[in-house]
Amino acid sequence: MAIIRWTTPTFEFPFDEDIDVSDIDSAYLVLKQWGNTIVSKDITDADIDTDENTVSWTLTQAETGLIVNAKKCEVMCDWVLSDGTRGRSDVASYSVEDSGINEVISNE
């Protein structure tokens, strides 16, 4: 799977039955290239679905524009529960591709 620059992808992280997403106190979406954080978003930007037990974030066009083309991008979710338990999702690795128009497209 690929991340297409200048688009608005959503990254969804499902949690197993051992963790209830309503118990998550802090969570971060982190995108890295070359070990450097390119994009980081906290839980205030997330959609939390208690029915599906998932946390998801949607990137903006500008955020995906920060990702370097033709280089792998690692995506993960770090989280802390209200009782202090900390964890991290599996790391997903994506290829990165350019879109047809490599800039933010306004809907105005």
Protein backbone atom coordinates (compact mmCIF):
# COMPACT_ATOMS: atom_id res chain seq x y z
CA MET A 1 0.00 0.00 0.00
CA ALA A 2 1.14 3.55 -0.65
CA ILE A 3 0.67 6.97 0.85
CA ILE A 4 -0.11 9.40 -1.95
CA ARG A 5 1.34 12.83 -1.22
CA TRP A 6 -1.06 15.81 -1.09
CA THR A 7 -4.07 13.55 -0.35
CA THR A 8 -6.04 13.03 2.87
CA PRO A 9 -5.53 9.41 3.99
CA THR A 10 -7.01 8.02 7.19
CA PHE A 11 -4.98 5.72 9.43
CA GLU A 12 -7.07 3.49 11.66
CA PHE A 13 -5.74 1.53 14.62
CA PRO A 14 -7.91 -1.28 15.97
CA PHE A 15 -7.46 -2.36 19.58
CA ASP A 16 -8.09 -5.89 20.81
CA GLU A 17 -10.59 -6.70 23.52
CA ASP A 18 -7.95 -6.30 26.27
CA ILE A 19 -7.90 -2.53 25.73
CA ASP A 20 -10.99 -0.34 25.69
CA VAL A 21 -10.37 2.82 23.63
CA SER A 22 -12.46 4.80 26.13
CA ASP A 23 -9.61 4.15 28.63
CA ILE A 24 -7.01 5.85 26.39
CA ASP A 25 -5.75 9.03 28.05
CA SER A 26 -3.20 10.05 25.40
CA ALA A 27 -2.47 8.81 21.91
CA TYR A 28 -0.30 9.96 19.04
CA LEU A 29 -0.18 9.18 15.36
CA VAL A 30 3.46 9.30 14.27
CA LEU A 31 4.85 9.18 10.72
CA LYS A 32 8.62 8.77 10.37
CA GLN A 33 11.14 8.74 7.55
CA TRP A 34 14.87 8.07 8.12
CA GLY A 35 14.03 7.79 11.83
CA ASN A 36 12.80 11.40 11.94
CA THR A 37 9.26 12.35 12.82
CA ILE A 38 7.61 13.99 9.81
CA VAL A 39 4.04 14.23 11.16
CA SER A 40 2.71 13.80 14.68
CA LYS A 41 -0.92 14.27 15.72
CA ASP A 42 -2.35 13.84 19.20
CA ILE A 43 -5.62 12.38 20.40
CA THR A 44 -7.44 15.72 20.11
CA ASP A 45 -7.21 15.27 16.32
CA ALA A 46 -8.36 11.64 16.43
CA ASP A 47 -11.70 9.99 15.82
CA ILE A 48 -12.43 7.47 18.57
CA ASP A 49 -14.99 4.78 17.74
CA THR A 50 -15.97 2.96 20.93
CA ASP A 51 -18.28 0.59 19.03
CA GLU A 52 -15.46 -0.63 16.76
CA ASN A 53 -12.76 -0.06 19.43
CA THR A 54 -10.60 1.96 17.03
CA VAL A 55 -8.70 5.23 16.99
CA SER A 56 -8.12 6.94 13.63
CA TRP A 57 -6.58 10.08 12.25
CA THR A 58 -6.99 11.76 8.87
CA LEU A 59 -4.05 13.70 7.50
CA THR A 60 -4.42 17.02 5.72
CA GLN A 61 -3.13 17.61 2.19
CA ALA A 62 -0.35 19.78 3.63
CA GLU A 63 0.71 17.07 6.09
CA THR A 64 1.08 14.41 3.40
CA GLY A 65 2.96 16.99 1.32
CA LEU A 66 5.69 16.88 4.00
CA ILE A 67 6.39 13.21 3.32
CA VAL A 68 9.28 12.59 0.93
CA ASN A 69 8.40 10.80 -2.31
CA ALA A 70 9.95 7.41 -3.18
CA LYS A 71 11.04 6.78 0.41
CA LYS A 72 9.37 4.35 2.82
CA CYS A 73 7.28 5.93 5.57
CA GLU A 74 6.69 4.24 8.92
CA VAL A 75 3.35 4.85 10.64
CA MET A 76 2.53 3.99 14.24
CA CYS A 77 0.31 4.87 17.19
CA ASP A 78 1.72 5.43 20.67
CA TRP A 79 -0.82 5.41 23.51
CA VAL A 80 -1.21 5.66 27.28
CA LEU A 81 -4.17 4.39 29.26
CA SER A 82 -5.68 6.26 32.20
CA ASP A 83 -3.97 3.74 34.56
CA GLY A 84 -0.53 4.63 33.10
CA THR A 85 -0.15 1.55 30.89
CA ARG A 86 1.74 2.53 27.75
CA GLY A 87 1.85 0.77 24.41
CA ARG A 88 2.55 1.14 20.72
CA SER A 89 0.85 -0.32 17.67
CA ASP A 90 2.66 -2.42 15.15
CA VAL A 91 4.71 -0.28 12.77
CA ALA A 92 3.25 -0.16 9.27
CA SER A 93 5.58 0.60 6.38
CA TYR A 94 4.22 2.38 3.30
CA SER A 95 5.73 3.39 0.01
CA VAL A 96 5.22 7.06 -0.88
CA GLU A 97 4.04 8.30 -4.27
CA ASP A 98 3.32 11.69 -5.80
CA SER A 99 -0.20 12.68 -6.73
CA GLY A 100 -1.02 14.11 -10.16
CA ILE A 101 -0.94 17.68 -8.84
CA ASN A 102 1.73 18.10 -6.18
CA GLU A 103 0.22 20.86 -4.11
CA VAL A 104 -2.79 21.55 -1.90
CA ILE A 105 -5.96 21.71 -3.99
CA SER A 106 -8.52 24.11 -2.54
CA ASN A 107 -12.23 23.33 -2.59
CA GLU A 108 -13.09 27.02 -2.64
